[in-house]
Amino acid sequence: MQTTDQLQQMEPCLLWPEIDTVLLDLDGTLLDKYFDDYFWETFVPTVFAAKNNLDLSVARMTLLDTYKKVEETLQWTDLDYWSDELCLNIPMLKREIAHLIAVRPEVTSFLEFLKENEKEIFLVTNAHPKTLEVKFEHIEFTQYFTDIFSSKEVGAAKEQAEFWPKLNGLLPFTRDRTLFVDDTEKVLQAARNYGIFHLIHIANPSSKLTPVFSPDFPSIISFQELM
């Protein structure tokens, strides 16, 4: 049986004259998701264990179970929620390891390509505004975006069906002339269900993990594949 990591790449075939609007995810799409994975899976459990006098393995298991309860909801990316829930200053902790924030390869070249081809570019992210504040202190590509929309502002997570009509109310776009790029298949499926026609999956959101191609969406490893 073919395993997930053996899936063959469904290669993209975009016709750029048919696309006016480009919606881009942040973490795992424009930025290396290693920062977020390390933060939530290693750094926060380490701090939580020390604060509560717990064994690290127990702390990690406890937190992973806690995380799962609010996955795919607004709470999952809400730093204020987690600061209260864990009795930790989550924004401050993010700043402690902010040196790990990194832009994925070819991102700037791709953004330049979109500008040169006169596409409207929007950042559409589940990241909390306080997360964006931390990350935008360390990256320099916000000038490429016409606007930035976080799920907190929209009022739903991108995985949720209600996110997309709400976003479309804030950001008028033509669904069959819009490209959306994301590293999460559930998010892409929600966008597809809403009628967004051009969809691209990021197969290697973290530089520390092996690429995994989607069985349902065209996948890329590098933005060079779209230029």
C-alpha atoms as a PDB file:
ATOM      1  CA  MET A   1       0.000   0.000   0.000  1.00  0.00           C
ATOM      2  CA  GLN A   2       1.220   3.501  -0.826  1.00  0.00           C
ATOM      3  CA  THR A   3       2.030   5.517   2.305  1.00  0.00           C
ATOM      4  CA  THR A   4       1.319   9.237   2.681  1.00  0.00           C
ATOM      5  CA  ASP A   5       4.934  10.266   2.186  1.00  0.00           C
ATOM      6  CA  GLN A   6       5.095   8.196  -1.013  1.00  0.00           C
ATOM      7  CA  LEU A   7       2.260  10.052  -2.698  1.00  0.00           C
ATOM      8  CA  GLN A   8       3.203  11.388  -6.083  1.00  0.00           C
ATOM      9  CA  GLN A   9       3.101  15.128  -6.607  1.00  0.00           C
ATOM     10  CA  MET A  10       0.024  16.528  -8.306  1.00  0.00           C
ATOM     11  CA  GLU A  11       1.829  19.277 -10.169  1.00  0.00           C
ATOM     12  CA  PRO A  12       0.321  22.780 -10.467  1.00  0.00           C
ATOM     13  CA  CYS A  13      -0.794  24.144 -13.804  1.00  0.00           C
ATOM     14  CA  LEU A  14      -1.683  27.803 -13.322  1.00  0.00           C
ATOM     15  CA  LEU A  15      -2.674  30.164 -16.122  1.00  0.00           C
ATOM     16  CA  TRP A  16      -1.708  33.528 -14.641  1.00  0.00           C
ATOM     17  CA  PRO A  17      -3.890  35.646 -16.986  1.00  0.00           C
ATOM     18  CA  GLU A  18      -6.884  33.895 -15.370  1.00  0.00           C
ATOM     19  CA  ILE A  19      -5.896  35.028 -11.855  1.00  0.00           C
ATOM     20  CA  ASP A  20      -6.460  38.517 -10.425  1.00  0.00           C
ATOM     21  CA  THR A  21      -6.239  37.952  -6.672  1.00  0.00           C
ATOM     22  CA  VAL A  22      -3.719  35.925  -4.660  1.00  0.00           C
ATOM     23  CA  LEU A  23      -4.451  34.909  -1.061  1.00  0.00           C
ATOM     24  CA  LEU A  24      -1.434  33.662   0.879  1.00  0.00           C
ATOM     25  CA  ASP A  25      -1.216  31.865   4.204  1.00  0.00           C
ATOM     26  CA  LEU A  26       1.640  32.828   6.550  1.00  0.00           C
ATOM     27  CA  ASP A  27       2.954  29.996   8.724  1.00  0.00           C
ATOM     28  CA  GLY A  28       4.108  27.023   6.689  1.00  0.00           C
ATOM     29  CA  THR A  29       3.516  28.905   3.441  1.00  0.00           C
ATOM     30  CA  LEU A  30       5.563  32.096   3.563  1.00  0.00           C
ATOM     31  CA  LEU A  31       7.352  31.332   6.833  1.00  0.00           C
ATOM     32  CA  ASP A  32       9.093  28.147   7.924  1.00  0.00           C
ATOM     33  CA  LYS A  33       6.678  26.328  10.246  1.00  0.00           C
ATOM     34  CA  TYR A  34       9.596  24.981  12.261  1.00  0.00           C
ATOM     35  CA  PHE A  35       9.342  28.035  14.516  1.00  0.00           C
ATOM     36  CA  ASP A  36       5.726  27.274  15.445  1.00  0.00           C
ATOM     37  CA  ASP A  37       6.247  23.529  15.778  1.00  0.00           C
ATOM     38  CA  TYR A  38       9.250  24.016  18.041  1.00  0.00           C
ATOM     39  CA  PHE A  39       7.488  26.691  20.071  1.00  0.00           C
ATOM     40  CA  TRP A  40       4.338  24.683  20.857  1.00  0.00           C
ATOM     41  CA  GLU A  41       5.781  21.169  20.939  1.00  0.00           C
ATOM     42  CA  THR A  42       9.100  21.782  22.705  1.00  0.00           C
ATOM     43  CA  PHE A  43       9.623  25.278  24.125  1.00  0.00           C
ATOM     44  CA  VAL A  44       6.235  25.824  25.782  1.00  0.00           C
ATOM     45  CA  PRO A  45       6.215  22.307  27.327  1.00  0.00           C
ATOM     46  CA  THR A  46       9.720  22.943  28.690  1.00  0.00           C
ATOM     47  CA  VAL A  47       8.675  26.227  30.311  1.00  0.00           C
ATOM     48  CA  PHE A  48       5.364  24.743  31.510  1.00  0.00           C
ATOM     49  CA  ALA A  49       7.172  21.769  33.067  1.00  0.00           C
ATOM     50  CA  ALA A  50       9.618  24.001  34.932  1.00  0.00           C
ATOM     51  CA  LYS A  51       6.868  26.320  36.179  1.00  0.00           C
ATOM     52  CA  ASN A  52       4.693  23.460  37.421  1.00  0.00           C
ATOM     53  CA  ASN A  53       7.458  21.102  38.607  1.00  0.00           C
ATOM     54  CA  LEU A  54       6.479  18.426  36.087  1.00  0.00           C
ATOM     55  CA  ASP A  55       8.450  15.866  34.158  1.00  0.00           C
ATOM     56  CA  LEU A  56       8.912  17.155  30.592  1.00  0.00           C
ATOM     57  CA  SER A  57       7.234  14.124  29.020  1.00  0.00           C
ATOM     58  CA  VAL A  58       4.207  14.574  31.288  1.00  0.00           C
ATOM     59  CA  ALA A  59       4.045  18.299  30.522  1.00  0.00           C
ATOM     60  CA  ARG A  60       4.261  17.662  26.774  1.00  0.00           C
ATOM     61  CA  MET A  61       1.518  15.031  26.859  1.00  0.00           C
ATOM     62  CA  THR A  62      -0.708  17.258  28.986  1.00  0.00           C
ATOM     63  CA  LEU A  63      -0.277  20.205  26.635  1.00  0.00           C
ATOM     64  CA  LEU A  64      -0.782  18.207  23.454  1.00  0.00           C
ATOM     65  CA  ASP A  65      -4.078  16.929  24.859  1.00  0.00           C
ATOM     66  CA  THR A  66      -5.025  20.495  25.802  1.00  0.00           C
ATOM     67  CA  TYR A  67      -4.157  21.789  22.336  1.00  0.00           C
ATOM     68  CA  LYS A  68      -6.313  19.172  20.617  1.00  0.00           C
ATOM     69  CA  LYS A  69      -9.436  20.337  22.413  1.00  0.00           C
ATOM     70  CA  VAL A  70      -9.441  23.636  20.519  1.00  0.00           C
ATOM     71  CA  GLU A  71      -7.801  22.688  17.210  1.00  0.00           C
ATOM     72  CA  GLU A  72      -9.420  24.267  14.155  1.00  0.00           C
ATOM     73  CA  THR A  73     -11.064  26.984  16.269  1.00  0.00           C
ATOM     74  CA  LEU A  74     -10.193  30.596  16.977  1.00  0.00           C
ATOM     75  CA  GLN A  75      -8.858  29.620  20.411  1.00  0.00           C
ATOM     76  CA  TRP A  76      -6.075  27.508  18.894  1.00  0.00           C
ATOM     77  CA  THR A  77      -4.185  30.563  17.642  1.00  0.00           C
ATOM     78  CA  ASP A  78      -5.377  33.052  20.301  1.00  0.00           C
ATOM     79  CA  LEU A  79      -2.329  34.045  22.342  1.00  0.00           C
ATOM     80  CA  ASP A  80      -4.462  35.695  25.024  1.00  0.00           C
ATOM     81  CA  TYR A  81      -6.426  32.457  25.423  1.00  0.00           C
ATOM     82  CA  TRP A  82      -3.238  30.424  25.868  1.00  0.00           C
ATOM     83  CA  SER A  83      -1.655  32.942  28.204  1.00  0.00           C
ATOM     84  CA  ASP A  84      -4.704  32.616  30.470  1.00  0.00           C
ATOM     85  CA  GLU A  85      -5.087  28.853  30.019  1.00  0.00           C
ATOM     86  CA  LEU A  86      -1.435  28.026  30.769  1.00  0.00           C
ATOM     87  CA  CYS A  87      -0.640  30.946  33.091  1.00  0.00           C
ATOM     88  CA  LEU A  88       2.271  31.886  30.832  1.00  0.00           C
ATOM     89  CA  ASN A  89       3.125  35.048  28.917  1.00  0.00           C
ATOM     90  CA  ILE A  90       2.920  33.504  25.458  1.00  0.00           C
ATOM     91  CA  PRO A  91       3.831  36.633  23.430  1.00  0.00           C
ATOM     92  CA  MET A  92       6.916  37.138  25.611  1.00  0.00           C
ATOM     93  CA  LEU A  93       7.923  33.491  25.146  1.00  0.00           C
ATOM     94  CA  LYS A  94       7.577  33.837  21.372  1.00  0.00           C
ATOM     95  CA  ARG A  95       9.970  36.778  21.459  1.00  0.00           C
ATOM     96  CA  GLU A  96      12.502  34.688  23.395  1.00  0.00           C
ATOM     97  CA  ILE A  97      12.966  32.374  20.406  1.00  0.00           C
ATOM     98  CA  ALA A  98      12.130  34.875  17.647  1.00  0.00           C
ATOM     99  CA  HIS A  99      15.557  34.258  16.112  1.00  0.00           C
ATOM    100  CA  LEU A 100      14.053  31.016  14.736  1.00  0.00           C
ATOM    101  CA  ILE A 101      11.531  32.904  12.585  1.00  0.00           C
ATOM    102  CA  ALA A 102      12.556  32.341   8.960  1.00  0.00           C
ATOM    103  CA  VAL A 103      11.152  33.064   5.517  1.00  0.00           C
ATOM    104  CA  ARG A 104      10.794  30.017   3.262  1.00  0.00           C
ATOM    105  CA  PRO A 105      12.998  29.866   0.126  1.00  0.00           C
ATOM    106  CA  GLU A 106      11.888  31.804  -2.965  1.00  0.00           C
ATOM    107  CA  VAL A 107       9.122  33.657  -1.102  1.00  0.00           C
ATOM    108  CA  THR A 108      10.448  37.133  -1.832  1.00  0.00           C
ATOM    109  CA  SER A 109      11.051  36.235  -5.475  1.00  0.00           C
ATOM    110  CA  PHE A 110       7.474  34.973  -5.737  1.00  0.00           C
ATOM    111  CA  LEU A 111       6.050  38.132  -4.177  1.00  0.00           C
ATOM    112  CA  GLU A 112       8.106  40.198  -6.627  1.00  0.00           C
ATOM    113  CA  PHE A 113       6.790  38.032  -9.471  1.00  0.00           C
ATOM    114  CA  LEU A 114       3.194  38.664  -8.382  1.00  0.00           C
ATOM    115  CA  LYS A 115       3.772  42.407  -8.184  1.00  0.00           C
ATOM    116  CA  GLU A 116       5.407  42.470 -11.605  1.00  0.00           C
ATOM    117  CA  ASN A 117       2.353  40.661 -12.979  1.00  0.00           C
ATOM    118  CA  GLU A 118       0.013  43.172 -11.292  1.00  0.00           C
ATOM    119  CA  LYS A 119      -1.751  40.712  -8.991  1.00  0.00           C
ATOM    120  CA  GLU A 120      -3.446  41.896  -5.821  1.00  0.00           C
ATOM    121  CA  ILE A 121      -1.825  40.083  -2.898  1.00  0.00           C
ATOM    122  CA  PHE A 122      -3.476  39.523   0.476  1.00  0.00           C
ATOM    123  CA  LEU A 123      -2.196  37.754   3.580  1.00  0.00           C
ATOM    124  CA  VAL A 124      -4.917  35.497   4.989  1.00  0.00           C
ATOM    125  CA  THR A 125      -3.847  33.815   8.202  1.00  0.00           C
ATOM    126  CA  ASN A 126      -5.086  32.119  11.356  1.00  0.00           C
ATOM    127  CA  ALA A 127      -2.228  33.793  13.219  1.00  0.00           C
ATOM    128  CA  HIS A 128      -3.315  35.983  16.130  1.00  0.00           C
ATOM    129  CA  PRO A 129      -2.585  39.730  15.837  1.00  0.00           C
ATOM    130  CA  LYS A 130      -0.036  39.444  18.676  1.00  0.00           C
ATOM    131  CA  THR A 131       1.722  36.669  16.756  1.00  0.00           C
ATOM    132  CA  LEU A 132       1.783  38.858  13.663  1.00  0.00           C
ATOM    133  CA  GLU A 133       3.284  41.671  15.717  1.00  0.00           C
ATOM    134  CA  VAL A 134       6.151  39.413  16.842  1.00  0.00           C
ATOM    135  CA  LYS A 135       6.793  37.997  13.380  1.00  0.00           C
ATOM    136  CA  PHE A 136       6.578  41.300  11.543  1.00  0.00           C
ATOM    137  CA  GLU A 137       9.377  42.563  13.778  1.00  0.00           C
ATOM    138  CA  HIS A 138      11.642  39.983  12.128  1.00  0.00           C
ATOM    139  CA  ILE A 139      10.470  39.756   8.507  1.00  0.00           C
ATOM    140  CA  GLU A 140      10.316  42.336   5.764  1.00  0.00           C
ATOM    141  CA  PHE A 141       7.666  41.493   3.196  1.00  0.00           C
ATOM    142  CA  THR A 142       4.507  43.159   4.508  1.00  0.00           C
ATOM    143  CA  GLN A 143       4.902  45.888   1.872  1.00  0.00           C
ATOM    144  CA  TYR A 144       3.791  43.416  -0.790  1.00  0.00           C
ATOM    145  CA  PHE A 145       0.297  42.977   0.662  1.00  0.00           C
ATOM    146  CA  THR A 146      -2.676  45.136  -0.245  1.00  0.00           C
ATOM    147  CA  ASP A 147      -4.155  44.110   3.106  1.00  0.00           C
ATOM    148  CA  ILE A 148      -3.793  41.532   5.887  1.00  0.00           C
ATOM    149  CA  PHE A 149      -6.663  39.482   7.337  1.00  0.00           C
ATOM    150  CA  SER A 150      -6.386  37.362  10.486  1.00  0.00           C
ATOM    151  CA  SER A 151      -9.004  34.819  11.506  1.00  0.00           C
ATOM    152  CA  LYS A 152      -9.603  36.799  14.711  1.00  0.00           C
ATOM    153  CA  GLU A 153     -10.605  39.798  12.599  1.00  0.00           C
ATOM    154  CA  VAL A 154     -12.750  37.676  10.273  1.00  0.00           C
ATOM    155  CA  GLY A 155     -14.469  35.887  13.161  1.00  0.00           C
ATOM    156  CA  ALA A 156     -13.747  32.241  12.290  1.00  0.00           C
ATOM    157  CA  ALA A 157     -10.802  29.940  11.634  1.00  0.00           C
ATOM    158  CA  LYS A 158      -9.891  29.203   8.024  1.00  0.00           C
ATOM    159  CA  GLU A 159     -10.848  25.535   8.497  1.00  0.00           C
ATOM    160  CA  GLN A 160     -14.421  26.591   9.300  1.00  0.00           C
ATOM    161  CA  ALA A 161     -16.925  26.987   6.467  1.00  0.00           C
ATOM    162  CA  GLU A 162     -18.142  30.351   7.756  1.00  0.00           C
ATOM    163  CA  PHE A 163     -14.676  31.888   7.407  1.00  0.00           C
ATOM    164  CA  TRP A 164     -14.825  32.180   3.632  1.00  0.00           C
ATOM    165  CA  PRO A 165     -18.099  34.076   3.110  1.00  0.00           C
ATOM    166  CA  LYS A 166     -17.093  36.326   6.009  1.00  0.00           C
ATOM    167  CA  LEU A 167     -13.733  37.011   4.390  1.00  0.00           C
ATOM    168  CA  ASN A 168     -15.433  37.645   1.044  1.00  0.00           C
ATOM    169  CA  GLY A 169     -17.625  40.224   2.780  1.00  0.00           C
ATOM    170  CA  LEU A 170     -14.525  42.060   3.977  1.00  0.00           C
ATOM    171  CA  LEU A 171     -12.501  41.424   0.827  1.00  0.00           C
ATOM    172  CA  PRO A 172     -14.486  41.302  -2.419  1.00  0.00           C
ATOM    173  CA  PHE A 173     -12.857  38.745  -4.716  1.00  0.00           C
ATOM    174  CA  THR A 174     -14.030  36.694  -7.682  1.00  0.00           C
ATOM    175  CA  ARG A 175     -13.819  33.062  -6.644  1.00  0.00           C
ATOM    176  CA  ASP A 176     -12.890  31.626 -10.040  1.00  0.00           C
ATOM    177  CA  ARG A 177     -10.155  34.253 -10.525  1.00  0.00           C
ATOM    178  CA  THR A 178      -8.554  33.836  -7.095  1.00  0.00           C
ATOM    179  CA  LEU A 179      -5.511  31.755  -6.114  1.00  0.00           C
ATOM    180  CA  PHE A 180      -5.151  30.568  -2.523  1.00  0.00           C
ATOM    181  CA  VAL A 181      -1.949  28.951  -1.203  1.00  0.00           C
ATOM    182  CA  ASP A 182      -1.863  27.135   2.152  1.00  0.00           C
ATOM    183  CA  ASP A 183      -0.063  24.227   3.824  1.00  0.00           C
ATOM    184  CA  THR A 184      -3.163  22.718   5.484  1.00  0.00           C
ATOM    185  CA  GLU A 185      -5.438  20.477   3.452  1.00  0.00           C
ATOM    186  CA  LYS A 186      -8.490  21.064   5.661  1.00  0.00           C
ATOM    187  CA  VAL A 187      -8.149  24.787   5.027  1.00  0.00           C
ATOM    188  CA  LEU A 188      -7.799  24.243   1.288  1.00  0.00           C
ATOM    189  CA  GLN A 189     -10.866  21.996   1.322  1.00  0.00           C
ATOM    190  CA  ALA A 190     -12.910  24.691   3.080  1.00  0.00           C
ATOM    191  CA  ALA A 191     -11.769  27.186   0.435  1.00  0.00           C
ATOM    192  CA  ARG A 192     -12.655  24.733  -2.343  1.00  0.00           C
ATOM    193  CA  ASN A 193     -16.099  24.164  -0.840  1.00  0.00           C
ATOM    194  CA  TYR A 194     -16.658  27.914  -0.958  1.00  0.00           C
ATOM    195  CA  GLY A 195     -15.772  27.922  -4.642  1.00  0.00           C
ATOM    196  CA  ILE A 196     -12.211  29.258  -4.785  1.00  0.00           C
ATOM    197  CA  PHE A 197     -10.922  27.731  -7.993  1.00  0.00           C
ATOM    198  CA  HIS A 198      -7.113  27.957  -7.936  1.00  0.00           C
ATOM    199  CA  LEU A 199      -5.660  26.132  -4.926  1.00  0.00           C
ATOM    200  CA  ILE A 200      -2.060  25.204  -4.129  1.00  0.00           C
ATOM    201  CA  HIS A 201      -0.777  23.056  -1.261  1.00  0.00           C
ATOM    202  CA  ILE A 202       2.646  23.551   0.355  1.00  0.00           C
ATOM    203  CA  ALA A 203       4.230  20.103   0.713  1.00  0.00           C
ATOM    204  CA  ASN A 204       7.118  21.131   2.986  1.00  0.00           C
ATOM    205  CA  PRO A 205       5.860  23.717   5.493  1.00  0.00           C
ATOM    206  CA  SER A 206       8.698  22.916   7.922  1.00  0.00           C
ATOM    207  CA  SER A 207      12.341  22.752   6.874  1.00  0.00           C
ATOM    208  CA  LYS A 208      12.836  19.995   9.461  1.00  0.00           C
ATOM    209  CA  LEU A 209      10.244  17.588   8.019  1.00  0.00           C
ATOM    210  CA  THR A 210      10.067  15.479   4.874  1.00  0.00           C
ATOM    211  CA  PRO A 211       7.745  16.914   2.186  1.00  0.00           C
ATOM    212  CA  VAL A 212       4.329  15.269   1.953  1.00  0.00           C
ATOM    213  CA  PHE A 213       2.309  15.779  -1.206  1.00  0.00           C
ATOM    214  CA  SER A 214      -1.458  16.182  -1.082  1.00  0.00           C
ATOM    215  CA  PRO A 215      -3.632  13.537  -2.757  1.00  0.00           C
ATOM    216  CA  ASP A 216      -6.316  16.156  -3.413  1.00  0.00           C
ATOM    217  CA  PHE A 217      -4.543  19.394  -4.350  1.00  0.00           C
ATOM    218  CA  PRO A 218      -1.622  20.422  -6.558  1.00  0.00           C
ATOM    219  CA  SER A 219       1.449  20.620  -4.311  1.00  0.00           C
ATOM    220  CA  ILE A 220       4.713  22.534  -4.464  1.00  0.00           C
ATOM    221  CA  ILE A 221       7.967  22.420  -2.563  1.00  0.00           C
ATOM    222  CA  SER A 222       9.272  25.734  -3.876  1.00  0.00           C
ATOM    223  CA  PHE A 223       7.454  28.825  -5.145  1.00  0.00           C
ATOM    224  CA  GLN A 224       9.806  28.610  -8.110  1.00  0.00           C
ATOM    225  CA  GLU A 225       7.375  25.970  -9.430  1.00  0.00           C
ATOM    226  CA  LEU A 226       4.715  28.683  -9.856  1.00  0.00           C
ATOM    227  CA  MET A 227       6.864  31.278 -11.615  1.00  0.00           C
END
